[in-house]
Amino acid sequence: MVKRRHAGIFVLAFTLLFGAASNAAARNFPVTVSAANGKVTIPAKPARIVSLSPTATEDLFAIGAGPQVVAVDDQSNYPKKAPHTKLSGYTPNAEAIAGYRPDLVVVSADLGRIVAALGKLHIPVLVQPTAAKLSDAYAQLRQLGEVTGHDRKAAAVVASMRKQIAAAVASVPKGSKLTVYHELDPTYYAPTSKTFIGRVYALLGLRNVADAADKTGSGYPQLSAEYIVSSSPDLIVLADTICCAQDAATVAGRAGWGTIAAVKNGNVVGVSDDISSRWGPRVVGFVRLIAARVRALSAG
């Protein structure tokens, strides 16, 4: 009898605790967040998310919301297990998106007035624009954690990124006068220190040769071959290895580029076009790669 009574008490306690936990989880929704498109309310934990942003796709899977994602756009190529589709983030089609019956859509811009179009269908849309700095990237991760019910995992991912990036920054010598040229394509478009990737270089003490050429303040000036050769950057980073098959050999073969310090000293680095143009968790690997190059250059 005593054992039965104890068992009954245990079951009752477990039920009460489980019920309280369930209620607590339920009370997390609805959630209202401030996004680039204003206040966005998510009535219940999303079970069918559509991501039309490659960075958001990476973020969602990194924070544990992958099982809730039912479709991603045609540019979201990571992770491989993401449910890839022909949906476009550049020319989004409300009808095609609605066909996946989403309860949350994440985009990087309100192209084609997709927010209003999906709003008419009562589908919440979260706009997360291109990050300008690391703090923006962290904020977007935390926001996705909030709207998907993965607050703790998102916070853990951000904490890990902060720690690893801080360690990489601390590992490079201070007061460096090294210069860098980051190539977006073979027509010599390059990001300046005003951009997300440019700020990463600044964190590592690198001076960006594109800064002085940005007369319009666009953040992405088109340089000339003559300008790059005369600037003779210490480090060249190629972010056009996938799109345009550029590597150290093709750069060395360009007329006059053999005189550039980076080319002469073997400091032409090829990186993934995708990783260097996104601001998700994989940026940590990029920062560590460049930090290692800066250390080697400073020691050499």
Protein backbone atom coordinates (compact mmCIF):
# COMPACT_ATOMS: atom_id res chain seq x y z
CA MET A 1 0.00 0.00 0.00
CA VAL A 2 2.84 2.38 0.92
CA LYS A 3 4.62 1.63 -2.35
CA ARG A 4 1.42 2.32 -4.31
CA ARG A 5 0.88 5.58 -2.44
CA HIS A 6 4.48 6.66 -3.17
CA ALA A 7 4.11 5.69 -6.80
CA GLY A 8 0.88 7.67 -7.04
CA ILE A 9 2.52 10.71 -5.48
CA PHE A 10 5.43 10.41 -7.93
CA VAL A 11 3.08 10.21 -10.92
CA LEU A 12 1.08 13.18 -9.65
CA ALA A 13 4.22 15.23 -9.06
CA PHE A 14 5.60 14.32 -12.49
CA THR A 15 2.30 15.25 -14.12
CA LEU A 16 2.18 18.58 -12.34
CA LEU A 17 5.79 19.38 -13.19
CA PHE A 18 5.42 18.31 -16.81
CA GLY A 19 2.20 20.27 -17.12
CA ALA A 20 3.85 23.34 -15.64
CA ALA A 21 6.76 23.00 -18.04
CA SER A 22 4.40 22.62 -20.98
CA ASN A 23 2.40 25.65 -19.92
CA ALA A 24 5.60 27.65 -19.47
CA ALA A 25 6.68 26.68 -22.98
CA ALA A 26 3.25 27.59 -24.35
CA ARG A 27 3.43 30.99 -22.68
CA ASN A 28 6.47 31.83 -24.81
CA PHE A 29 4.07 32.40 -27.68
CA PRO A 30 2.76 34.56 -29.14
CA VAL A 31 6.08 36.34 -29.62
CA THR A 32 6.44 39.85 -30.98
CA VAL A 33 9.81 41.09 -32.20
CA SER A 34 11.06 44.30 -33.82
CA ALA A 35 12.39 43.49 -37.27
CA ALA A 36 13.43 45.54 -40.30
CA ASN A 37 9.81 45.40 -41.44
CA GLY A 38 8.44 46.61 -38.08
CA LYS A 39 6.73 44.66 -35.32
CA VAL A 40 6.23 41.02 -36.25
CA THR A 41 4.03 38.72 -34.18
CA ILE A 42 4.42 34.95 -34.28
CA PRO A 43 1.21 33.48 -32.78
CA ALA A 44 2.58 29.99 -32.07
CA LYS A 45 5.86 28.11 -32.33
CA PRO A 46 6.48 27.80 -36.08
CA ALA A 47 6.32 24.29 -37.49
CA ARG A 48 6.63 25.19 -41.19
CA ILE A 49 9.33 27.79 -41.84
CA VAL A 50 10.36 28.97 -45.31
CA SER A 51 13.74 30.68 -45.55
CA LEU A 52 14.52 32.87 -48.55
CA SER A 53 17.85 34.00 -47.10
CA PRO A 54 20.97 31.81 -47.28
CA THR A 55 22.31 33.30 -44.05
CA ALA A 56 19.00 32.78 -42.24
CA THR A 57 18.97 29.19 -43.46
CA GLU A 58 22.40 28.59 -41.94
CA ASP A 59 21.34 30.35 -38.74
CA LEU A 60 18.14 28.32 -38.39
CA PHE A 61 19.95 25.01 -38.65
CA ALA A 62 22.73 26.19 -36.34
CA ILE A 63 20.28 27.00 -33.53
CA GLY A 64 18.38 23.73 -33.82
CA ALA A 65 15.38 24.96 -35.81
CA GLY A 66 16.24 22.86 -38.86
CA PRO A 67 13.41 20.34 -38.33
CA GLN A 68 10.93 23.23 -38.52
CA VAL A 69 12.20 24.38 -41.94
CA VAL A 70 10.13 23.02 -44.84
CA ALA A 71 11.66 24.97 -47.74
CA VAL A 72 14.66 27.18 -48.53
CA ASP A 73 15.48 29.31 -51.55
CA ASP A 74 17.61 28.35 -54.53
CA GLN A 75 20.68 30.13 -53.12
CA SER A 76 20.61 28.37 -49.75
CA ASN A 77 23.22 25.69 -50.39
CA TYR A 78 24.23 25.06 -46.77
CA PRO A 79 23.68 22.86 -44.91
CA LYS A 80 23.22 20.12 -47.48
CA LYS A 81 20.31 18.63 -45.54
CA ALA A 82 18.26 21.82 -45.90
CA PRO A 83 15.07 21.29 -47.98
CA HIS A 84 16.27 22.97 -51.17
CA THR A 85 13.71 24.29 -53.65
CA LYS A 86 13.49 26.55 -56.71
CA LEU A 87 12.01 29.39 -54.65
CA SER A 88 13.77 32.69 -55.30
CA GLY A 89 14.75 35.23 -52.70
CA TYR A 90 15.48 37.78 -55.43
CA THR A 91 12.11 37.51 -57.19
CA PRO A 92 9.89 35.99 -54.50
CA ASN A 93 6.49 34.71 -55.55
CA ALA A 94 3.82 34.81 -52.84
CA GLU A 95 1.73 32.04 -54.41
CA ALA A 96 4.72 29.70 -54.71
CA ILE A 97 5.76 30.40 -51.14
CA ALA A 98 2.22 29.92 -49.82
CA GLY A 99 2.18 26.51 -51.47
CA TYR A 100 4.46 25.26 -48.69
CA ARG A 101 1.86 26.34 -46.09
CA PRO A 102 4.39 28.29 -43.99
CA ASP A 103 3.66 29.76 -40.58
CA LEU A 104 6.83 31.89 -40.82
CA VAL A 105 8.83 33.22 -43.78
CA VAL A 106 12.31 34.73 -43.35
CA VAL A 107 13.72 37.04 -46.05
CA SER A 108 16.72 39.36 -46.30
CA ALA A 109 14.81 42.14 -48.07
CA ASP A 110 11.23 43.09 -48.94
CA LEU A 111 11.73 42.50 -52.65
CA GLY A 112 8.62 42.64 -54.80
CA ARG A 113 6.64 43.82 -51.76
CA ILE A 114 6.57 40.24 -50.58
CA VAL A 115 5.84 41.24 -46.98
CA ALA A 116 2.53 42.83 -47.93
CA ALA A 117 1.65 40.02 -50.34
CA LEU A 118 2.16 37.35 -47.70
CA GLY A 119 0.52 39.55 -45.09
CA LYS A 120 -2.71 39.35 -47.08
CA LEU A 121 -2.47 35.59 -46.68
CA HIS A 122 -1.89 36.01 -42.92
CA ILE A 123 1.64 34.62 -43.16
CA PRO A 124 4.16 36.31 -40.81
CA VAL A 125 7.34 37.54 -42.52
CA LEU A 126 10.59 38.40 -40.77
CA VAL A 127 12.99 40.66 -42.68
CA GLN A 128 16.63 40.27 -41.64
CA PRO A 129 18.78 42.51 -43.87
CA THR A 130 22.49 42.21 -44.59
CA ALA A 131 24.45 42.61 -41.38
CA ALA A 132 26.70 45.66 -41.23
CA LYS A 133 28.73 44.39 -38.28
CA LEU A 134 29.16 41.33 -36.10
CA SER A 135 26.72 42.63 -33.49
CA ASP A 136 24.02 42.62 -36.20
CA ALA A 137 24.79 38.99 -37.00
CA TYR A 138 24.53 38.07 -33.32
CA ALA A 139 21.24 39.97 -32.96
CA GLN A 140 19.71 38.14 -35.92
CA LEU A 141 20.69 34.76 -34.49
CA ARG A 142 19.12 35.64 -31.15
CA GLN A 143 15.99 36.93 -32.88
CA LEU A 144 15.60 33.70 -34.84
CA GLY A 145 16.00 31.81 -31.59
CA GLU A 146 13.22 33.86 -30.06
CA VAL A 147 10.72 33.39 -32.89
CA THR A 148 11.40 29.67 -33.32
CA GLY A 149 11.51 28.65 -29.66
CA HIS A 150 15.27 28.07 -29.54
CA ASP A 151 16.40 30.98 -27.38
CA ARG A 152 18.95 29.03 -25.36
CA LYS A 153 20.63 27.33 -28.33
CA ALA A 154 20.81 30.66 -30.18
CA ALA A 155 22.42 32.29 -27.15
CA ALA A 156 24.93 29.43 -26.96
CA VAL A 157 25.82 29.78 -30.66
CA VAL A 158 26.36 33.52 -30.25
CA ALA A 159 28.49 33.00 -27.15
CA SER A 160 30.64 30.45 -28.99
CA MET A 161 31.08 32.76 -31.97
CA ARG A 162 32.04 35.68 -29.73
CA LYS A 163 34.60 33.59 -27.86
CA GLN A 164 36.25 32.15 -30.97
CA ILE A 165 36.36 35.47 -32.83
CA ALA A 166 37.75 37.28 -29.78
CA ALA A 167 40.49 34.64 -29.54
CA ALA A 168 41.35 35.05 -33.22
CA VAL A 169 41.52 38.84 -32.91
CA ALA A 170 43.68 38.59 -29.79
CA SER A 171 46.08 36.27 -31.62
CA VAL A 172 47.22 38.87 -34.17
CA PRO A 173 49.94 41.42 -33.42
CA LYS A 174 48.77 44.94 -32.62
CA GLY A 175 49.72 47.95 -34.70
CA SER A 176 49.91 46.04 -37.97
CA LYS A 177 50.33 48.09 -41.14
CA LEU A 178 49.47 45.22 -43.45
CA THR A 179 47.06 45.88 -46.32
CA VAL A 180 44.40 43.71 -47.91
CA TYR A 181 42.46 43.53 -51.16
CA HIS A 182 39.27 41.44 -51.09
CA GLU A 183 38.12 40.52 -54.59
CA LEU A 184 34.41 39.95 -55.16
CA ASP A 185 34.75 39.19 -58.89
CA PRO A 186 37.31 39.46 -61.70
CA THR A 187 36.08 42.96 -62.59
CA TYR A 188 37.67 44.11 -59.33
CA TYR A 189 34.67 45.06 -57.21
CA ALA A 190 35.79 45.11 -53.59
CA PRO A 191 34.20 45.76 -50.19
CA THR A 192 35.47 48.62 -48.03
CA SER A 193 35.81 48.86 -44.26
CA LYS A 194 32.19 50.09 -44.10
CA THR A 195 30.89 46.64 -44.99
CA PHE A 196 30.46 43.56 -42.81
CA ILE A 197 33.45 41.72 -44.26
CA GLY A 198 35.47 44.93 -44.30
CA ARG A 199 34.91 45.37 -40.58
CA VAL A 200 36.23 41.85 -40.03
CA TYR A 201 39.49 42.85 -41.70
CA ALA A 202 39.63 46.02 -39.59
CA LEU A 203 39.20 43.93 -36.42
CA LEU A 204 42.29 41.98 -37.44
CA GLY A 205 44.28 45.19 -37.94
CA LEU A 206 44.31 45.10 -41.75
CA ARG A 207 44.08 48.27 -43.83
CA ASN A 208 41.75 47.94 -46.80
CA VAL A 209 43.09 49.27 -50.11
CA ALA A 210 39.53 49.74 -51.39
CA ASP A 211 38.71 52.44 -48.82
CA ALA A 212 40.50 55.29 -50.59
CA ALA A 213 38.85 54.39 -53.90
CA ASP A 214 35.26 54.56 -52.63
CA LYS A 215 34.46 58.08 -53.79
CA THR A 216 30.69 57.58 -53.68
CA GLY A 217 30.59 55.84 -50.30
CA SER A 218 28.81 52.79 -51.72
CA GLY A 219 30.94 50.38 -49.75
CA TYR A 220 31.62 48.39 -52.91
CA PRO A 221 33.76 50.40 -55.36
CA GLN A 222 35.03 48.95 -58.60
CA LEU A 223 38.80 49.23 -58.60
CA SER A 224 41.08 49.23 -61.62
CA ALA A 225 43.91 46.79 -62.19
CA GLU A 226 46.31 49.72 -62.18
CA TYR A 227 45.04 50.90 -58.80
CA ILE A 228 45.42 47.45 -57.24
CA VAL A 229 48.91 46.97 -58.67
CA SER A 230 50.04 50.39 -57.41
CA SER A 231 48.52 49.69 -53.98
CA SER A 232 50.48 46.41 -53.82
CA PRO A 233 48.44 44.82 -51.02
CA ASP A 234 50.21 42.45 -48.64
CA LEU A 235 47.26 40.04 -48.72
CA ILE A 236 44.80 39.25 -51.51
CA VAL A 237 41.64 37.36 -50.62
CA LEU A 238 39.72 35.86 -53.53
CA ALA A 239 35.98 35.50 -52.93
CA ASP A 240 35.40 34.54 -56.56
CA THR A 241 36.85 31.05 -56.47
CA ILE A 242 33.50 29.31 -57.08
CA CYS A 243 31.72 31.74 -59.38
CA CYS A 244 34.69 32.63 -61.53
CA ALA A 245 37.40 29.98 -60.98
CA GLN A 246 39.93 32.47 -59.66
CA ASP A 247 42.98 31.28 -57.72
CA ALA A 248 46.59 32.24 -57.01
CA ALA A 249 47.67 31.05 -60.46
CA THR A 250 45.10 33.10 -62.38
CA VAL A 251 45.96 36.18 -60.33
CA ALA A 252 49.68 35.72 -60.93
CA GLY A 253 48.94 35.49 -64.65
CA ARG A 254 47.28 38.89 -64.81
CA ALA A 255 49.38 41.52 -66.59
CA GLY A 256 51.51 43.43 -64.11
CA TRP A 257 50.21 41.65 -61.01
CA GLY A 258 53.49 39.81 -60.49
CA THR A 259 54.87 42.94 -58.82
CA ILE A 260 52.21 42.97 -56.08
CA ALA A 261 53.57 42.05 -52.64
CA ALA A 262 50.87 39.43 -52.02
CA VAL A 263 51.59 37.71 -55.33
CA LYS A 264 55.38 37.81 -54.95
CA ASN A 265 55.23 36.42 -51.40
CA GLY A 266 52.55 33.77 -51.92
CA ASN A 267 49.84 35.50 -49.94
CA VAL A 268 46.91 35.10 -52.32
CA VAL A 269 44.17 33.25 -50.45
CA GLY A 270 41.10 31.66 -52.01
CA VAL A 271 37.97 31.47 -49.85
CA SER A 272 34.44 30.23 -50.36
CA ASP A 273 32.33 32.83 -52.18
CA ASP A 274 29.42 31.90 -49.91
CA ILE A 275 31.13 32.05 -46.52
CA SER A 276 32.73 35.43 -47.23
CA SER A 277 29.40 36.93 -48.35
CA ARG A 278 27.27 35.67 -45.44
CA TRP A 279 27.21 36.54 -41.77
CA GLY A 280 26.20 33.29 -40.12
CA PRO A 281 28.17 31.03 -37.76
CA ARG A 282 30.62 29.96 -40.48
CA VAL A 283 32.15 33.44 -40.42
CA VAL A 284 34.19 32.16 -37.46
CA GLY A 285 36.20 29.93 -39.78
CA PHE A 286 36.82 32.87 -42.11
CA VAL A 287 38.07 35.07 -39.25
CA ARG A 288 40.39 32.33 -38.01
CA LEU A 289 41.77 31.76 -41.53
CA ILE A 290 42.58 35.43 -42.05
CA ALA A 291 43.98 35.77 -38.53
CA ALA A 292 46.39 32.92 -39.27
CA ARG A 293 47.53 34.69 -42.43
CA VAL A 294 48.06 37.95 -40.56
CA ARG A 295 50.16 36.17 -37.94
CA ALA A 296 52.27 34.53 -40.64
CA LEU A 297 52.75 37.81 -42.48
CA SER A 298 53.68 39.64 -39.30
CA ALA A 299 56.20 36.98 -38.40
CA GLY A 300 57.71 36.85 -41.85
